[in-house]
Amino acid sequence: MVCIMYQISSDEVRCIAEIPADSVPSMANGEMSTFLKESMAPQIPTQLREIFIKGINDGASMKLVPTKSMSATLSEKKGVIVLGDAFNMQHPLIASGMMVVLSDVLILRHLLKPLENLANVTQVSQVIKNFNDIRKPMSATVNTLGDAFSQVLVASKDEAKEAMRQGCYDYLCSGGFRTSGLMALLGGMNPPPLSLVLHIFGITFTSIGHLLSPFPTPLRIWHSLRLFVSTIKMLGHHIKVEGARQMLYPESTPMYHRSYMAATALQLNDDVS
C-alpha cells in the first residue's frame, strides 16, 4: 500500500493511500476507519501519527476515488478540444492533474490568440494538433513520473523492487540537486523529459548500489540487471506512447516557438507587475 502526505494549506495536510481494488474496506460500516487506524497508522511517521488518528476519530472527510491513468487522445471531431481528465488522466498519486490542465490552458490560449476566426475549423484543427505536441514536455513528464511512483513506492517481497523503493526514498532524502530536482519535476517547475530521465536513472543507480552492497554476488548482480531492465522498459513504454519526437524534441513542432515566446513574455509581464 502506498501512502503520501502533503500540505494543502497552512493548517491542513492531505493523505493519499492507494489500496488494491479487490480489498477496499467499506466506508459505510466503519471498516475503512478501522483499517486506516490498524494497518495504515503504524506506517505514518511518529510526528504525524497522533494527529492522523485524531483526524479519523473526529470524522475527517474521506473520499474514495479510482486510481486510473489515460494517455492523451485528440477528439476525432474537427475543431473540438477536450481538456482535463477527459483528455489526459494522470495517476492521482502525485496530485498533478490541475497543474497539467492549467499548463494546457496557457499553451492553447497562446496558440488560438492569433486566429481571427475561431469558426475556421481547418485552422483550429491545425492549432489543436500542434497543441497536442507542444504540451508533451509537461504532460509526458508528469504521466511518466506518476506511473513510476505508483510502481516504485509499493512494498514488495521482490528484492529488486524493494531495493528500488528504498533507493527512491534515499534519493529524495539525500538533499541538494537530487531532492530539489525531483521536487521541481513534481511541481512542474522543470518539466523537460530529459531531466526526468536523468533523475529516474539516478534513482535506479542508487538502488543498484543498495543491491550490490556490501559486496556483489551473482544473485545481487542478477537482481541489479532486472532492476535496470525494468527501468528501461518503463521509460521505453512512455516514450513510445507519448511519441519520441514530441516528448524529447518539441521544438520541431510548428508554432512551438510562438507559444514558448508568448508564454515567456507573459511570465515577464507578471513578474514586472
C-alpha atoms as a PDB file:
ATOM      1  CA  MET A   1       0.000   0.000   0.000  1.00  0.00           C
ATOM      2  CA  VAL A   2       1.317   3.431  -0.975  1.00  0.00           C
ATOM      3  CA  CYS A   3       0.741   6.416   1.327  1.00  0.00           C
ATOM      4  CA  ILE A   4       1.670  10.024   0.558  1.00  0.00           C
ATOM      5  CA  MET A   5       1.037  13.087   2.729  1.00  0.00           C
ATOM      6  CA  TYR A   6       1.391  16.695   1.573  1.00  0.00           C
ATOM      7  CA  GLN A   7       0.390  20.126   2.837  1.00  0.00           C
ATOM      8  CA  ILE A   8      -2.545  21.845   1.087  1.00  0.00           C
ATOM      9  CA  SER A   9      -2.956  24.899   3.353  1.00  0.00           C
ATOM     10  CA  SER A  10      -1.368  26.492   6.413  1.00  0.00           C
ATOM     11  CA  ASP A  11      -3.174  24.085   8.754  1.00  0.00           C
ATOM     12  CA  GLU A  12      -4.244  21.163   6.544  1.00  0.00           C
ATOM     13  CA  VAL A  13      -2.440  18.067   5.314  1.00  0.00           C
ATOM     14  CA  ARG A  14      -3.896  15.689   2.756  1.00  0.00           C
ATOM     15  CA  CYS A  15      -3.171  11.981   2.995  1.00  0.00           C
ATOM     16  CA  ILE A  16      -3.497   9.727  -0.063  1.00  0.00           C
ATOM     17  CA  ALA A  17      -3.407   5.937   0.261  1.00  0.00           C
ATOM     18  CA  GLU A  18      -3.551   3.520  -2.645  1.00  0.00           C
ATOM     19  CA  ILE A  19      -5.419   0.344  -1.716  1.00  0.00           C
ATOM     20  CA  PRO A  20      -5.780  -2.693  -4.030  1.00  0.00           C
ATOM     21  CA  ALA A  21      -9.190  -2.652  -5.720  1.00  0.00           C
ATOM     22  CA  ASP A  22     -10.055  -6.158  -4.555  1.00  0.00           C
ATOM     23  CA  SER A  23      -9.588  -5.360  -0.852  1.00  0.00           C
ATOM     24  CA  VAL A  24     -11.097  -1.889  -0.318  1.00  0.00           C
ATOM     25  CA  PRO A  25     -12.770  -1.690   3.140  1.00  0.00           C
ATOM     26  CA  SER A  26     -16.340  -0.390   3.360  1.00  0.00           C
ATOM     27  CA  MET A  27     -16.765   3.233   4.384  1.00  0.00           C
ATOM     28  CA  ALA A  28     -20.435   2.760   5.301  1.00  0.00           C
ATOM     29  CA  ASN A  29     -19.935   0.409   8.261  1.00  0.00           C
ATOM     30  CA  GLY A  30     -16.702   1.911   9.601  1.00  0.00           C
ATOM     31  CA  GLU A  31     -14.336  -0.723   8.195  1.00  0.00           C
ATOM     32  CA  MET A  32     -12.313   1.959   6.428  1.00  0.00           C
ATOM     33  CA  SER A  33     -11.662   3.868   9.662  1.00  0.00           C
ATOM     34  CA  THR A  34     -10.592   0.683  11.414  1.00  0.00           C
ATOM     35  CA  PHE A  35      -8.336  -0.271   8.516  1.00  0.00           C
ATOM     36  CA  LEU A  36      -6.664   3.144   8.483  1.00  0.00           C
ATOM     37  CA  LYS A  37      -6.003   3.083  12.225  1.00  0.00           C
ATOM     38  CA  GLU A  38      -4.812  -0.520  12.417  1.00  0.00           C
ATOM     39  CA  SER A  39      -2.993  -1.001   9.107  1.00  0.00           C
ATOM     40  CA  MET A  40      -2.019   2.441   7.905  1.00  0.00           C
ATOM     41  CA  ALA A  41      -1.365   4.442  11.090  1.00  0.00           C
ATOM     42  CA  PRO A  42       1.666   2.307  12.103  1.00  0.00           C
ATOM     43  CA  GLN A  43       3.306   3.315   8.780  1.00  0.00           C
ATOM     44  CA  ILE A  44       2.779   7.044   9.390  1.00  0.00           C
ATOM     45  CA  PRO A  45       5.810   8.951  10.790  1.00  0.00           C
ATOM     46  CA  THR A  46       5.605   9.205  14.577  1.00  0.00           C
ATOM     47  CA  GLN A  47       5.421  13.030  14.412  1.00  0.00           C
ATOM     48  CA  LEU A  48       2.138  12.795  12.463  1.00  0.00           C
ATOM     49  CA  ARG A  49       0.642   9.546  13.747  1.00  0.00           C
ATOM     50  CA  GLU A  50      -1.257  11.007  16.689  1.00  0.00           C
ATOM     51  CA  ILE A  51      -2.911  13.792  14.664  1.00  0.00           C
ATOM     52  CA  PHE A  52      -3.656  11.261  11.899  1.00  0.00           C
ATOM     53  CA  ILE A  53      -5.592   9.003  14.282  1.00  0.00           C
ATOM     54  CA  LYS A  54      -7.284  12.023  15.866  1.00  0.00           C
ATOM     55  CA  GLY A  55      -8.458  13.169  12.438  1.00  0.00           C
ATOM     56  CA  ILE A  56     -10.028   9.767  11.765  1.00  0.00           C
ATOM     57  CA  ASN A  57     -11.745   9.713  15.168  1.00  0.00           C
ATOM     58  CA  ASP A  58     -13.041  13.273  14.643  1.00  0.00           C
ATOM     59  CA  GLY A  59     -14.653  12.274  11.351  1.00  0.00           C
ATOM     60  CA  ALA A  60     -12.195  13.779   8.893  1.00  0.00           C
ATOM     61  CA  SER A  61     -13.506  13.872   5.346  1.00  0.00           C
ATOM     62  CA  MET A  62     -12.619  10.736   3.365  1.00  0.00           C
ATOM     63  CA  LYS A  63     -13.158  10.211  -0.334  1.00  0.00           C
ATOM     64  CA  LEU A  64     -12.808   7.029  -2.339  1.00  0.00           C
ATOM     65  CA  VAL A  65     -11.719   7.516  -5.964  1.00  0.00           C
ATOM     66  CA  PRO A  66     -10.393   5.066  -8.564  1.00  0.00           C
ATOM     67  CA  THR A  67      -6.716   5.237  -9.497  1.00  0.00           C
ATOM     68  CA  LYS A  68      -6.574   5.455 -13.242  1.00  0.00           C
ATOM     69  CA  SER A  69      -4.314   6.906 -15.897  1.00  0.00           C
ATOM     70  CA  MET A  70      -5.153   7.620 -19.535  1.00  0.00           C
ATOM     71  CA  SER A  71      -2.853   8.934 -22.232  1.00  0.00           C
ATOM     72  CA  ALA A  72      -3.993  11.960 -24.236  1.00  0.00           C
ATOM     73  CA  THR A  73      -6.113  11.248 -27.314  1.00  0.00           C
ATOM     74  CA  LEU A  74      -7.389  14.002 -29.598  1.00  0.00           C
ATOM     75  CA  SER A  75     -11.079  14.122 -30.446  1.00  0.00           C
ATOM     76  CA  GLU A  76     -11.947  12.718 -33.873  1.00  0.00           C
ATOM     77  CA  LYS A  77     -14.335  15.618 -34.437  1.00  0.00           C
ATOM     78  CA  LYS A  78     -12.569  18.505 -36.189  1.00  0.00           C
ATOM     79  CA  GLY A  79     -12.250  21.730 -34.226  1.00  0.00           C
ATOM     80  CA  VAL A  80     -13.035  20.080 -30.869  1.00  0.00           C
ATOM     81  CA  ILE A  81     -10.580  20.003 -27.968  1.00  0.00           C
ATOM     82  CA  VAL A  82     -11.195  18.335 -24.619  1.00  0.00           C
ATOM     83  CA  LEU A  83      -9.089  19.260 -21.566  1.00  0.00           C
ATOM     84  CA  GLY A  84      -8.612  17.941 -18.056  1.00  0.00           C
ATOM     85  CA  ASP A  85      -9.144  14.329 -17.026  1.00  0.00           C
ATOM     86  CA  ALA A  86     -11.379  13.741 -20.030  1.00  0.00           C
ATOM     87  CA  PHE A  87      -8.328  14.371 -22.229  1.00  0.00           C
ATOM     88  CA  ASN A  88      -5.362  13.094 -20.231  1.00  0.00           C
ATOM     89  CA  MET A  89      -5.696  11.441 -16.833  1.00  0.00           C
ATOM     90  CA  GLN A  90      -2.599  11.135 -14.634  1.00  0.00           C
ATOM     91  CA  HIS A  91      -2.188   8.735 -11.748  1.00  0.00           C
ATOM     92  CA  PRO A  92      -3.558  10.655  -8.710  1.00  0.00           C
ATOM     93  CA  LEU A  93      -0.612   9.644  -6.534  1.00  0.00           C
ATOM     94  CA  ILE A  94       1.362  12.806  -7.336  1.00  0.00           C
ATOM     95  CA  ALA A  95      -1.724  15.077  -7.460  1.00  0.00           C
ATOM     96  CA  SER A  96      -0.715  16.866 -10.654  1.00  0.00           C
ATOM     97  CA  GLY A  97      -3.898  16.941 -12.740  1.00  0.00           C
ATOM     98  CA  MET A  98      -4.689  20.607 -12.065  1.00  0.00           C
ATOM     99  CA  MET A  99      -1.099  21.627 -12.790  1.00  0.00           C
ATOM    100  CA  VAL A 100      -1.191  19.920 -16.200  1.00  0.00           C
ATOM    101  CA  VAL A 101      -4.576  21.336 -17.238  1.00  0.00           C
ATOM    102  CA  LEU A 102      -3.519  24.890 -16.298  1.00  0.00           C
ATOM    103  CA  SER A 103      -0.392  24.444 -18.400  1.00  0.00           C
ATOM    104  CA  ASP A 104      -2.600  23.168 -21.247  1.00  0.00           C
ATOM    105  CA  VAL A 105      -4.890  26.193 -20.994  1.00  0.00           C
ATOM    106  CA  LEU A 106      -1.928  28.590 -21.143  1.00  0.00           C
ATOM    107  CA  ILE A 107      -0.440  26.889 -24.217  1.00  0.00           C
ATOM    108  CA  LEU A 108      -3.780  26.658 -26.014  1.00  0.00           C
ATOM    109  CA  ARG A 109      -4.560  30.310 -25.284  1.00  0.00           C
ATOM    110  CA  HIS A 110      -1.356  31.478 -26.945  1.00  0.00           C
ATOM    111  CA  LEU A 111      -1.897  29.238 -29.960  1.00  0.00           C
ATOM    112  CA  LEU A 112      -5.508  30.363 -30.505  1.00  0.00           C
ATOM    113  CA  LYS A 113      -4.881  34.059 -29.857  1.00  0.00           C
ATOM    114  CA  PRO A 114      -3.553  34.909 -33.374  1.00  0.00           C
ATOM    115  CA  LEU A 115      -6.566  33.315 -35.106  1.00  0.00           C
ATOM    116  CA  GLU A 116      -9.018  35.888 -36.403  1.00  0.00           C
ATOM    117  CA  ASN A 117     -11.888  33.454 -36.855  1.00  0.00           C
ATOM    118  CA  LEU A 118     -12.392  30.544 -34.456  1.00  0.00           C
ATOM    119  CA  ALA A 119     -15.127  29.260 -36.755  1.00  0.00           C
ATOM    120  CA  ASN A 120     -12.440  28.240 -39.250  1.00  0.00           C
ATOM    121  CA  VAL A 121     -12.389  24.529 -38.425  1.00  0.00           C
ATOM    122  CA  THR A 122      -9.298  23.812 -40.537  1.00  0.00           C
ATOM    123  CA  GLN A 123      -7.141  26.398 -38.750  1.00  0.00           C
ATOM    124  CA  VAL A 124      -8.439  25.430 -35.314  1.00  0.00           C
ATOM    125  CA  SER A 125      -7.795  21.738 -36.017  1.00  0.00           C
ATOM    126  CA  GLN A 126      -4.195  22.516 -37.010  1.00  0.00           C
ATOM    127  CA  VAL A 127      -3.710  24.503 -33.800  1.00  0.00           C
ATOM    128  CA  ILE A 128      -5.090  21.594 -31.764  1.00  0.00           C
ATOM    129  CA  LYS A 129      -2.710  19.172 -33.472  1.00  0.00           C
ATOM    130  CA  ASN A 130       0.258  21.432 -32.688  1.00  0.00           C
ATOM    131  CA  PHE A 131      -1.020  21.932 -29.150  1.00  0.00           C
ATOM    132  CA  ASN A 132      -1.004  18.175 -28.546  1.00  0.00           C
ATOM    133  CA  ASP A 133       2.691  18.056 -29.480  1.00  0.00           C
ATOM    134  CA  ILE A 134       3.754  21.233 -27.649  1.00  0.00           C
ATOM    135  CA  ARG A 135       2.197  20.088 -24.342  1.00  0.00           C
ATOM    136  CA  LYS A 136       4.219  16.863 -24.316  1.00  0.00           C
ATOM    137  CA  PRO A 137       7.238  18.024 -22.274  1.00  0.00           C
ATOM    138  CA  MET A 138       4.983  18.832 -19.303  1.00  0.00           C
ATOM    139  CA  SER A 139       2.315  16.153 -19.695  1.00  0.00           C
ATOM    140  CA  ALA A 140       4.672  13.312 -20.648  1.00  0.00           C
ATOM    141  CA  THR A 141       6.948  14.089 -17.704  1.00  0.00           C
ATOM    142  CA  VAL A 142       4.045  14.066 -15.245  1.00  0.00           C
ATOM    143  CA  ASN A 143       2.493  10.943 -16.779  1.00  0.00           C
ATOM    144  CA  THR A 144       5.792   9.052 -16.568  1.00  0.00           C
ATOM    145  CA  LEU A 145       6.565  10.279 -13.055  1.00  0.00           C
ATOM    146  CA  GLY A 146       3.111   9.346 -11.740  1.00  0.00           C
ATOM    147  CA  ASP A 147       3.306   5.884 -13.273  1.00  0.00           C
ATOM    148  CA  ALA A 148       6.839   5.336 -11.976  1.00  0.00           C
ATOM    149  CA  PHE A 149       5.994   6.404  -8.429  1.00  0.00           C
ATOM    150  CA  SER A 150       2.847   4.247  -8.353  1.00  0.00           C
ATOM    151  CA  GLN A 151       5.005   1.207  -9.141  1.00  0.00           C
ATOM    152  CA  VAL A 152       8.138   2.043  -7.177  1.00  0.00           C
ATOM    153  CA  LEU A 153       6.622   3.079  -3.841  1.00  0.00           C
ATOM    154  CA  VAL A 154       4.654  -0.142  -3.289  1.00  0.00           C
ATOM    155  CA  ALA A 155       6.260  -2.522  -0.784  1.00  0.00           C
ATOM    156  CA  SER A 156       7.229  -5.848  -2.327  1.00  0.00           C
ATOM    157  CA  LYS A 157       8.853  -9.134  -1.382  1.00  0.00           C
ATOM    158  CA  ASP A 158      10.789  -8.967  -4.640  1.00  0.00           C
ATOM    159  CA  GLU A 159      14.342  -7.979  -3.693  1.00  0.00           C
ATOM    160  CA  ALA A 160      14.879  -5.829  -6.795  1.00  0.00           C
ATOM    161  CA  LYS A 161      11.592  -3.922  -6.379  1.00  0.00           C
ATOM    162  CA  GLU A 162      12.209  -3.378  -2.674  1.00  0.00           C
ATOM    163  CA  ALA A 163      15.695  -2.050  -3.432  1.00  0.00           C
ATOM    164  CA  MET A 164      14.151   0.366  -5.945  1.00  0.00           C
ATOM    165  CA  ARG A 165      11.671   1.580  -3.319  1.00  0.00           C
ATOM    166  CA  GLN A 166      14.408   2.150  -0.740  1.00  0.00           C
ATOM    167  CA  GLY A 167      16.622   3.769  -3.361  1.00  0.00           C
ATOM    168  CA  CYS A 168      13.825   6.210  -4.236  1.00  0.00           C
ATOM    169  CA  TYR A 169      13.438   7.233  -0.578  1.00  0.00           C
ATOM    170  CA  ASP A 170      17.179   7.643  -0.139  1.00  0.00           C
ATOM    171  CA  TYR A 171      17.403   9.694  -3.346  1.00  0.00           C
ATOM    172  CA  LEU A 172      14.626  12.018  -2.159  1.00  0.00           C
ATOM    173  CA  CYS A 173      16.228  12.400   1.283  1.00  0.00           C
ATOM    174  CA  SER A 174      19.783  12.983   0.049  1.00  0.00           C
ATOM    175  CA  GLY A 175      19.292  16.746  -0.404  1.00  0.00           C
ATOM    176  CA  GLY A 176      20.978  19.033  -2.907  1.00  0.00           C
ATOM    177  CA  PHE A 177      20.432  18.603  -6.627  1.00  0.00           C
ATOM    178  CA  ARG A 178      18.702  15.234  -6.198  1.00  0.00           C
ATOM    179  CA  THR A 179      15.964  16.453  -3.881  1.00  0.00           C
ATOM    180  CA  SER A 180      15.466  19.897  -5.430  1.00  0.00           C
ATOM    181  CA  GLY A 181      15.488  18.460  -8.955  1.00  0.00           C
ATOM    182  CA  LEU A 182      12.906  15.786  -8.231  1.00  0.00           C
ATOM    183  CA  MET A 183      10.721  18.256  -6.335  1.00  0.00           C
ATOM    184  CA  ALA A 184      10.925  20.644  -9.307  1.00  0.00           C
ATOM    185  CA  LEU A 185       9.690  17.829 -11.548  1.00  0.00           C
ATOM    186  CA  LEU A 186       6.816  17.033  -9.192  1.00  0.00           C
ATOM    187  CA  GLY A 187       5.867  20.717  -9.040  1.00  0.00           C
ATOM    188  CA  GLY A 188       6.047  21.216 -12.806  1.00  0.00           C
ATOM    189  CA  MET A 189       8.817  23.810 -12.473  1.00  0.00           C
ATOM    190  CA  ASN A 190      11.323  21.846 -14.539  1.00  0.00           C
ATOM    191  CA  PRO A 191       9.295  19.670 -16.918  1.00  0.00           C
ATOM    192  CA  PRO A 192      11.779  18.759 -19.721  1.00  0.00           C
ATOM    193  CA  PRO A 193      11.685  14.947 -20.083  1.00  0.00           C
ATOM    194  CA  LEU A 194      15.485  14.724 -20.242  1.00  0.00           C
ATOM    195  CA  SER A 195      15.583  15.995 -16.660  1.00  0.00           C
ATOM    196  CA  LEU A 196      13.112  13.253 -15.719  1.00  0.00           C
ATOM    197  CA  VAL A 197      15.266  10.609 -17.430  1.00  0.00           C
ATOM    198  CA  LEU A 198      18.320  11.857 -15.521  1.00  0.00           C
ATOM    199  CA  HIS A 199      16.587  11.551 -12.140  1.00  0.00           C
ATOM    200  CA  ILE A 200      14.999   8.180 -12.895  1.00  0.00           C
ATOM    201  CA  PHE A 201      18.403   6.751 -13.772  1.00  0.00           C
ATOM    202  CA  GLY A 202      19.809   8.454 -10.665  1.00  0.00           C
ATOM    203  CA  ILE A 203      17.240   6.586  -8.548  1.00  0.00           C
ATOM    204  CA  THR A 204      17.971   3.373 -10.446  1.00  0.00           C
ATOM    205  CA  PHE A 205      21.739   3.531  -9.863  1.00  0.00           C
ATOM    206  CA  THR A 206      21.185   4.472  -6.202  1.00  0.00           C
ATOM    207  CA  SER A 207      19.008   1.369  -5.880  1.00  0.00           C
ATOM    208  CA  ILE A 208      21.582  -0.799  -7.640  1.00  0.00           C
ATOM    209  CA  GLY A 209      24.148   0.486  -5.144  1.00  0.00           C
ATOM    210  CA  HIS A 210      21.929  -0.836  -2.334  1.00  0.00           C
ATOM    211  CA  LEU A 211      21.575  -4.192  -4.060  1.00  0.00           C
ATOM    212  CA  LEU A 212      25.311  -4.671  -4.573  1.00  0.00           C
ATOM    213  CA  SER A 213      26.291  -3.639  -1.034  1.00  0.00           C
ATOM    214  CA  PRO A 214      28.330  -4.642   0.886  1.00  0.00           C
ATOM    215  CA  PHE A 215      29.777  -6.718  -1.961  1.00  0.00           C
ATOM    216  CA  PRO A 216      28.340  -8.047  -5.226  1.00  0.00           C
ATOM    217  CA  THR A 217      27.250 -11.655  -5.556  1.00  0.00           C
ATOM    218  CA  PRO A 218      25.854 -13.426  -8.638  1.00  0.00           C
ATOM    219  CA  LEU A 219      22.314 -13.154  -7.223  1.00  0.00           C
ATOM    220  CA  ARG A 220      22.692  -9.451  -6.407  1.00  0.00           C
ATOM    221  CA  ILE A 221      24.100  -8.761  -9.871  1.00  0.00           C
ATOM    222  CA  TRP A 222      21.107 -10.606 -11.373  1.00  0.00           C
ATOM    223  CA  HIS A 223      18.647  -8.505  -9.332  1.00  0.00           C
ATOM    224  CA  SER A 224      20.528  -5.355 -10.385  1.00  0.00           C
ATOM    225  CA  LEU A 225      20.212  -6.278 -14.055  1.00  0.00           C
ATOM    226  CA  ARG A 226      16.488  -6.967 -13.603  1.00  0.00           C
ATOM    227  CA  LEU A 227      16.039  -3.583 -11.957  1.00  0.00           C
ATOM    228  CA  PHE A 228      17.925  -1.785 -14.737  1.00  0.00           C
ATOM    229  CA  VAL A 229      15.941  -3.564 -17.459  1.00  0.00           C
ATOM    230  CA  SER A 230      12.624  -2.721 -15.747  1.00  0.00           C
ATOM    231  CA  THR A 231      13.616   0.976 -15.765  1.00  0.00           C
ATOM    232  CA  ILE A 232      14.435   0.818 -19.486  1.00  0.00           C
ATOM    233  CA  LYS A 233      11.111  -0.903 -20.223  1.00  0.00           C
ATOM    234  CA  MET A 234       9.119   1.653 -18.232  1.00  0.00           C
ATOM    235  CA  LEU A 235      10.787   4.627 -19.942  1.00  0.00           C
ATOM    236  CA  GLY A 236      10.567   2.961 -23.341  1.00  0.00           C
ATOM    237  CA  HIS A 237       6.851   2.351 -22.915  1.00  0.00           C
ATOM    238  CA  HIS A 238       6.130   6.001 -22.124  1.00  0.00           C
ATOM    239  CA  ILE A 239       8.360   7.324 -24.896  1.00  0.00           C
ATOM    240  CA  LYS A 240       6.515   5.065 -27.336  1.00  0.00           C
ATOM    241  CA  VAL A 241       3.063   6.118 -26.082  1.00  0.00           C
ATOM    242  CA  GLU A 242       3.832   9.846 -25.885  1.00  0.00           C
ATOM    243  CA  GLY A 243       5.959   9.978 -29.052  1.00  0.00           C
ATOM    244  CA  ALA A 244       9.741  10.220 -29.017  1.00  0.00           C
ATOM    245  CA  ARG A 245       9.918  13.395 -31.154  1.00  0.00           C
ATOM    246  CA  GLN A 246       7.160  15.233 -29.291  1.00  0.00           C
ATOM    247  CA  MET A 247       8.494  14.211 -25.890  1.00  0.00           C
ATOM    248  CA  LEU A 248      12.211  14.770 -26.442  1.00  0.00           C
ATOM    249  CA  TYR A 249      12.302  17.380 -29.226  1.00  0.00           C
ATOM    250  CA  PRO A 250       9.107  19.503 -29.164  1.00  0.00           C
ATOM    251  CA  GLU A 251      10.986  22.385 -30.842  1.00  0.00           C
ATOM    252  CA  SER A 252      10.417  20.624 -34.163  1.00  0.00           C
ATOM    253  CA  THR A 253       6.668  21.241 -33.854  1.00  0.00           C
ATOM    254  CA  PRO A 254       5.228  24.145 -35.906  1.00  0.00           C
ATOM    255  CA  MET A 255       4.143  27.079 -33.687  1.00  0.00           C
ATOM    256  CA  TYR A 256       6.363  25.830 -30.806  1.00  0.00           C
ATOM    257  CA  HIS A 257       8.499  28.975 -30.693  1.00  0.00           C
ATOM    258  CA  ARG A 258       5.482  31.269 -30.956  1.00  0.00           C
ATOM    259  CA  SER A 259       3.856  29.550 -27.977  1.00  0.00           C
ATOM    260  CA  TYR A 260       7.106  29.481 -25.973  1.00  0.00           C
ATOM    261  CA  MET A 261       7.905  33.146 -26.601  1.00  0.00           C
ATOM    262  CA  ALA A 262       4.354  34.198 -25.726  1.00  0.00           C
ATOM    263  CA  ALA A 263       4.445  32.210 -22.507  1.00  0.00           C
ATOM    264  CA  THR A 264       7.824  33.704 -21.614  1.00  0.00           C
ATOM    265  CA  ALA A 265       6.584  37.248 -22.308  1.00  0.00           C
ATOM    266  CA  LEU A 266       3.527  36.664 -20.126  1.00  0.00           C
ATOM    267  CA  GLN A 267       5.723  35.428 -17.295  1.00  0.00           C
ATOM    268  CA  LEU A 268       7.971  38.509 -17.572  1.00  0.00           C
ATOM    269  CA  ASN A 269       4.951  40.826 -17.550  1.00  0.00           C
ATOM    270  CA  ASP A 270       3.599  39.098 -14.443  1.00  0.00           C
ATOM    271  CA  ASP A 271       6.961  39.477 -12.715  1.00  0.00           C
ATOM    272  CA  VAL A 272       7.124  43.198 -13.542  1.00  0.00           C
ATOM    273  CA  SER A 273       3.583  43.862 -12.365  1.00  0.00           C
END
